[in-house]
C-alpha atoms as a PDB file:
ATOM      1  CA  MET A   1       3.467 -19.417  -6.685  1.00  0.00           C
ATOM      2  CA  THR A   2       5.949 -16.805  -5.590  1.00  0.00           C
ATOM      3  CA  ILE A   3       4.226 -14.153  -4.106  1.00  0.00           C
ATOM      4  CA  ARG A   4       6.492 -10.759  -5.413  1.00  0.00           C
ATOM      5  CA  ASP A   5       6.936  -7.736  -3.385  1.00  0.00           C
ATOM      6  CA  LYS A   6       5.349  -4.525  -4.022  1.00  0.00           C
ATOM      7  CA  LYS A   7       8.373  -3.159  -2.916  1.00  0.00           C
ATOM      8  CA  GLN A   8      11.073  -4.350  -3.875  1.00  0.00           C
ATOM      9  CA  PRO A   9      12.332  -1.512  -7.052  1.00  0.00           C
ATOM     10  CA  LEU A  10      12.417  -2.864 -10.282  1.00  0.00           C
ATOM     11  CA  TYR A  11      12.064   0.397 -12.779  1.00  0.00           C
ATOM     12  CA  THR A  12      13.804   2.974 -13.874  1.00  0.00           C
ATOM     13  CA  ILE A  13      12.701   6.206 -13.840  1.00  0.00           C
ATOM     14  CA  SER A  14      12.901   6.039 -17.993  1.00  0.00           C
ATOM     15  CA  ILE A  15      10.568   2.713 -17.301  1.00  0.00           C
ATOM     16  CA  VAL A  16       8.369   4.056 -14.828  1.00  0.00           C
ATOM     17  CA  SER A  17       7.670   8.178 -17.254  1.00  0.00           C
ATOM     18  CA  GLU A  18       6.510   5.377 -20.173  1.00  0.00           C
ATOM     19  CA  ILE A  19       4.376   3.365 -17.968  1.00  0.00           C
ATOM     20  CA  LEU A  20       2.040   6.852 -16.277  1.00  0.00           C
ATOM     21  CA  HIS A  21       2.244   8.650 -19.711  1.00  0.00           C
ATOM     22  CA  VAL A  22       4.443  11.215 -17.782  1.00  0.00           C
ATOM     23  CA  HIS A  23       7.617  13.537 -18.388  1.00  0.00           C
ATOM     24  CA  PRO A  24      10.173  12.116 -16.570  1.00  0.00           C
ATOM     25  CA  GLN A  25      10.405  15.849 -14.715  1.00  0.00           C
ATOM     26  CA  THR A  26       6.638  14.984 -13.531  1.00  0.00           C
ATOM     27  CA  LEU A  27       8.082  12.043 -11.894  1.00  0.00           C
ATOM     28  CA  ARG A  28      11.073  14.632 -10.020  1.00  0.00           C
ATOM     29  CA  LEU A  29       8.532  16.680  -8.965  1.00  0.00           C
ATOM     30  CA  TYR A  30       6.468  14.723  -7.259  1.00  0.00           C
ATOM     31  CA  GLU A  31       9.940  13.403  -5.346  1.00  0.00           C
ATOM     32  CA  ARG A  32      10.711  16.922  -4.695  1.00  0.00           C
ATOM     33  CA  GLU A  33       7.265  17.225  -2.536  1.00  0.00           C
ATOM     34  CA  GLY A  34       7.833  15.072  -0.972  1.00  0.00           C
ATOM     35  CA  LEU A  35       5.195  12.406  -2.658  1.00  0.00           C
ATOM     36  CA  VAL A  36       6.825   9.567  -3.539  1.00  0.00           C
ATOM     37  CA  THR A  37      10.434   8.392  -2.122  1.00  0.00           C
ATOM     38  CA  PRO A  38      11.634   5.881  -4.403  1.00  0.00           C
ATOM     39  CA  LYS A  39      15.066   4.210  -3.515  1.00  0.00           C
ATOM     40  CA  ARG A  40      18.568   5.267  -5.714  1.00  0.00           C
ATOM     41  CA  THR A  41      21.033   3.059  -6.446  1.00  0.00           C
ATOM     42  CA  ARG A  42      24.272   5.981  -6.684  1.00  0.00           C
ATOM     43  CA  ARG A  43      22.231   8.164  -8.969  1.00  0.00           C
ATOM     44  CA  VAL A  44      19.390   5.374  -9.993  1.00  0.00           C
ATOM     45  CA  ARG A  45      16.271   6.218  -8.775  1.00  0.00           C
ATOM     46  CA  LEU A  46      14.520   3.084  -8.702  1.00  0.00           C
ATOM     47  CA  TYR A  47      10.667   2.982  -8.660  1.00  0.00           C
ATOM     48  CA  SER A  48       9.125  -0.877  -6.835  1.00  0.00           C
ATOM     49  CA  GLU A  49       5.049  -1.521  -8.042  1.00  0.00           C
ATOM     50  CA  GLU A  50       3.835   0.248  -4.914  1.00  0.00           C
ATOM     51  CA  ASP A  51       5.254   3.833  -5.890  1.00  0.00           C
ATOM     52  CA  VAL A  52       4.301   2.387  -9.367  1.00  0.00           C
ATOM     53  CA  GLU A  53       0.515   2.073  -7.767  1.00  0.00           C
ATOM     54  CA  ARG A  54       0.790   5.988  -5.511  1.00  0.00           C
ATOM     55  CA  LEU A  55       1.757   7.517  -8.807  1.00  0.00           C
ATOM     56  CA  GLY A  56      -0.884   6.603 -10.932  1.00  0.00           C
ATOM     57  CA  MET A  57      -3.153   7.098  -7.969  1.00  0.00           C
ATOM     58  CA  ILE A  58      -1.348  10.243  -7.863  1.00  0.00           C
ATOM     59  CA  ILE A  59      -1.331  11.102 -11.758  1.00  0.00           C
ATOM     60  CA  ARG A  60      -5.136  10.121 -12.094  1.00  0.00           C
ATOM     61  CA  LEU A  61      -6.127  12.790  -9.175  1.00  0.00           C
ATOM     62  CA  THR A  62      -4.636  15.784 -10.620  1.00  0.00           C
ATOM     63  CA  ARG A  63      -5.561  15.801 -14.090  1.00  0.00           C
ATOM     64  CA  GLU A  64      -8.550  13.656 -14.099  1.00  0.00           C
ATOM     65  CA  LEU A  65     -10.102  15.165 -10.683  1.00  0.00           C
ATOM     66  CA  GLY A  66      -8.176  18.550 -10.411  1.00  0.00           C
ATOM     67  CA  VAL A  67      -7.163  17.814  -6.992  1.00  0.00           C
ATOM     68  CA  ASN A  68      -4.413  19.770  -6.238  1.00  0.00           C
ATOM     69  CA  LYS A  69      -1.077  18.801  -4.561  1.00  0.00           C
ATOM     70  CA  ALA A  70      -2.445  19.748  -1.137  1.00  0.00           C
ATOM     71  CA  GLY A  71      -5.492  17.852  -1.532  1.00  0.00           C
ATOM     72  CA  VAL A  72      -3.481  14.954  -2.449  1.00  0.00           C
ATOM     73  CA  GLU A  73      -1.400  14.716   0.152  1.00  0.00           C
ATOM     74  CA  VAL A  74      -4.499  15.030   2.722  1.00  0.00           C
ATOM     75  CA  ILE A  75      -6.249  12.253   0.011  1.00  0.00           C
ATOM     76  CA  LEU A  76      -2.445  10.149   0.613  1.00  0.00           C
ATOM     77  CA  ARG A  77      -2.926  10.276   4.251  1.00  0.00           C
ATOM     78  CA  MET A  78      -6.055   9.002   4.298  1.00  0.00           C
ATOM     79  CA  ARG A  79      -5.825   5.953   2.425  1.00  0.00           C
ATOM     80  CA  HIS A  80      -2.805   4.833   4.724  1.00  0.00           C
ATOM     81  CA  ARG A  81      -4.540   5.479   7.568  1.00  0.00           C
ATOM     82  CA  LEU A  82      -7.129   3.762   6.100  1.00  0.00           C
ATOM     83  CA  GLU A  83      -4.714   0.679   5.563  1.00  0.00           C
ATOM     84  CA  VAL A  84      -3.971   0.803   9.158  1.00  0.00           C
ATOM     85  CA  MET A  85      -6.879   0.467  10.477  1.00  0.00           C
ATOM     86  CA  GLN A  86      -8.470  -2.113   8.225  1.00  0.00           C
ATOM     87  CA  ARG A  87      -5.185  -4.270   8.842  1.00  0.00           C
ATOM     88  CA  GLU A  88      -5.595  -3.822  12.298  1.00  0.00           C
ATOM     89  CA  MET A  89      -9.143  -4.777  12.312  1.00  0.00           C
ATOM     90  CA  GLU A  90      -7.998  -8.153  10.603  1.00  0.00           C
ATOM     91  CA  ASP A  91      -6.429  -8.790  13.586  1.00  0.00           C
ATOM     92  CA  MET A  92      -8.692  -8.123  15.757  1.00  0.00           C
ATOM     93  CA  MET A  93     -10.620 -10.742  13.980  1.00  0.00           C
ATOM     94  CA  ASN A  94      -8.040 -13.539  13.936  1.00  0.00           C
ATOM     95  CA  CYS A  95      -7.552 -12.716  17.653  1.00  0.00           C
ATOM     96  CA  LEU A  96     -11.549 -12.605  17.969  1.00  0.00           C
ATOM     97  CA  GLU A  97     -11.804 -16.378  15.844  1.00  0.00           C
ATOM     98  CA  ASP A  98      -9.236 -17.564  17.465  1.00  0.00           C
ATOM     99  CA  GLU A  99     -10.737 -17.041  21.168  1.00  0.00           C
ATOM    100  CA  MET A 100     -14.141 -18.553  19.937  1.00  0.00           C
ATOM    101  CA  ARG A 101     -12.332 -21.386  18.131  1.00  0.00           C
ATOM    102  CA  LYS A 102     -10.357 -22.460  21.825  1.00  0.00           C
ATOM    103  CA  ASP A 103     -14.349 -21.974  23.166  1.00  0.00           C
ATOM    104  CA  PHE A 104     -15.663 -23.841  21.207  1.00  0.00           C
ATOM    105  CA  THR A 105     -12.891 -26.344  21.495  1.00  0.00           C
ATOM    106  CA  GLU A 106     -13.002 -26.912  24.970  1.00  0.00           C
ATOM    107  CA  ARG A 107     -17.323 -26.473  24.803  1.00  0.00           C
ATOM    108  CA  LEU A 108     -17.011 -29.663  22.314  1.00  0.00           C
ATOM    109  CA  LYS A 109     -14.096 -31.430  24.831  1.00  0.00           C
ATOM    110  CA  ARG A 110     -16.375 -30.724  27.725  1.00  0.00           C
ATOM    111  CA  ILE A 111     -19.880 -32.895  25.585  1.00  0.00           C
ATOM    112  CA  PHE A 112     -18.173 -35.418  25.034  1.00  0.00           C
ATOM    113  CA  PHE A 113     -15.042 -36.061  26.793  1.00  0.00           C
ATOM    114  CA  GLU A 114     -16.816 -35.130  30.367  1.00  0.00           C
ATOM    115  CA  ASP A 115     -18.760 -37.514  32.031  1.00  0.00           C
END
């Protein structure tokens, strides 16, 4: 089983506008406002799965919750910070687990192999 890279540019603007049920001009507006940055091949915008998810969240925030652009930017920034913190915590937990595993192994060695 292969894991897809969510950052891989796959979708053209017309496909994304269909997926999200928005006009392509809306996607261009979000790009101009800096809310999303699709990759470009020549003059063609290519959106990744991650971009589509981000756009979906932006659309939900603005349409369903009435959040304005400034609010969307704050929410996206906070979400990014939370993701970074979560990765850092996972790294710290892995380090702690490694240390605990080493300590446990050392204790077992002392118990079973020392006189």
